[in-house]
């Protein structure tokens, strides 16, 4: 059974700098918000490298024409 540390989840999914990937493809945080593609709250989550929904991941993949595996990796919890 998986047990997570008190106060949060174990961080085993690691995101690349998604905002940088978006910028490389012509998408600024301002433009994403202005066009209603990604909310300000989600952009803040991306800056903090927090989890995002699969819908947001899908949007980012469509905008960057990439696969999810190019944006995240799974790393085993070193304490397991």
Protein backbone atom coordinates (compact mmCIF):
# COMPACT_ATOMS: atom_id res chain seq x y z
CA UNK A 1 0.00 0.00 0.00
CA UNK A 2 1.32 3.45 -0.92
CA UNK A 3 1.59 5.90 1.91
CA UNK A 4 2.24 9.58 1.37
CA UNK A 5 4.06 11.88 3.76
CA UNK A 6 1.89 13.87 6.10
CA UNK A 7 0.71 17.09 4.49
CA UNK A 8 0.97 16.07 0.83
CA UNK A 9 1.66 13.64 -1.92
CA UNK A 10 5.02 12.11 -2.73
CA UNK A 11 6.49 13.99 -5.67
CA UNK A 12 7.21 11.26 -8.19
CA UNK A 13 5.90 13.00 -11.34
CA UNK A 14 8.43 15.62 -12.44
CA UNK A 15 7.51 18.28 -14.99
CA UNK A 16 9.94 19.96 -17.34
CA UNK A 17 9.70 23.76 -17.44
CA UNK A 18 6.34 23.73 -19.19
CA UNK A 19 6.11 27.52 -19.38
CA UNK A 20 9.46 27.58 -21.18
CA UNK A 21 8.22 24.91 -23.59
CA UNK A 22 5.13 27.03 -24.25
CA UNK A 23 7.26 30.17 -24.81
CA UNK A 24 9.41 28.25 -27.31
CA UNK A 25 6.19 27.61 -29.22
CA UNK A 26 5.02 31.24 -29.12
CA UNK A 27 2.70 31.07 -26.11
CA UNK A 28 3.21 33.57 -23.28
CA UNK A 29 1.33 33.35 -20.00
CA UNK A 30 -0.49 36.55 -20.94
CA UNK A 31 -1.57 35.18 -24.33
CA UNK A 32 -2.74 31.89 -22.80
CA UNK A 33 -4.93 33.78 -20.33
CA UNK A 34 -6.16 36.35 -22.86
CA UNK A 35 -7.25 33.66 -25.30
CA UNK A 36 -8.90 31.68 -22.48
CA UNK A 37 -6.74 28.61 -23.01
CA UNK A 38 -5.22 28.31 -19.52
CA UNK A 39 -6.39 30.11 -16.38
CA UNK A 40 -4.21 32.34 -14.23
CA UNK A 41 -4.47 29.82 -11.39
CA UNK A 42 -3.13 27.07 -13.63
CA UNK A 43 -0.26 29.26 -14.80
CA UNK A 44 0.65 29.84 -11.16
CA UNK A 45 0.58 26.05 -10.62
CA UNK A 46 2.89 25.61 -13.62
CA UNK A 47 5.33 28.20 -12.22
CA UNK A 48 5.40 26.32 -8.91
CA UNK A 49 5.71 22.96 -10.74
CA UNK A 50 2.55 21.71 -9.04
CA UNK A 51 0.18 19.12 -10.46
CA UNK A 52 -2.15 20.03 -13.32
CA UNK A 53 -5.22 18.35 -14.76
CA UNK A 54 -5.10 16.01 -17.71
CA UNK A 55 -7.28 18.53 -19.59
CA UNK A 56 -4.58 21.17 -19.09
CA UNK A 57 -1.89 18.69 -20.11
CA UNK A 58 -3.91 17.95 -23.26
CA UNK A 59 -4.17 21.68 -24.05
CA UNK A 60 -0.42 22.14 -23.61
CA UNK A 61 0.34 19.13 -25.82
CA UNK A 62 -1.93 20.50 -28.55
CA UNK A 63 -0.36 23.97 -28.36
CA UNK A 64 3.21 22.60 -28.41
CA UNK A 65 2.45 19.69 -30.77
CA UNK A 66 4.15 17.26 -28.38
CA UNK A 67 3.52 14.09 -26.42
CA UNK A 68 2.91 14.13 -22.63
CA UNK A 69 6.16 12.21 -22.13
CA UNK A 70 8.03 15.25 -23.43
CA UNK A 71 6.61 17.32 -20.55
CA UNK A 72 6.90 14.97 -17.58
CA UNK A 73 8.76 12.01 -16.23
CA UNK A 74 8.14 9.57 -13.42
CA UNK A 75 10.82 9.13 -10.81
CA UNK A 76 10.64 6.54 -8.04
CA UNK A 77 10.27 7.86 -4.52
CA UNK A 78 13.79 7.56 -3.01
CA UNK A 79 12.28 6.53 0.32
CA UNK A 80 10.50 3.46 -1.11
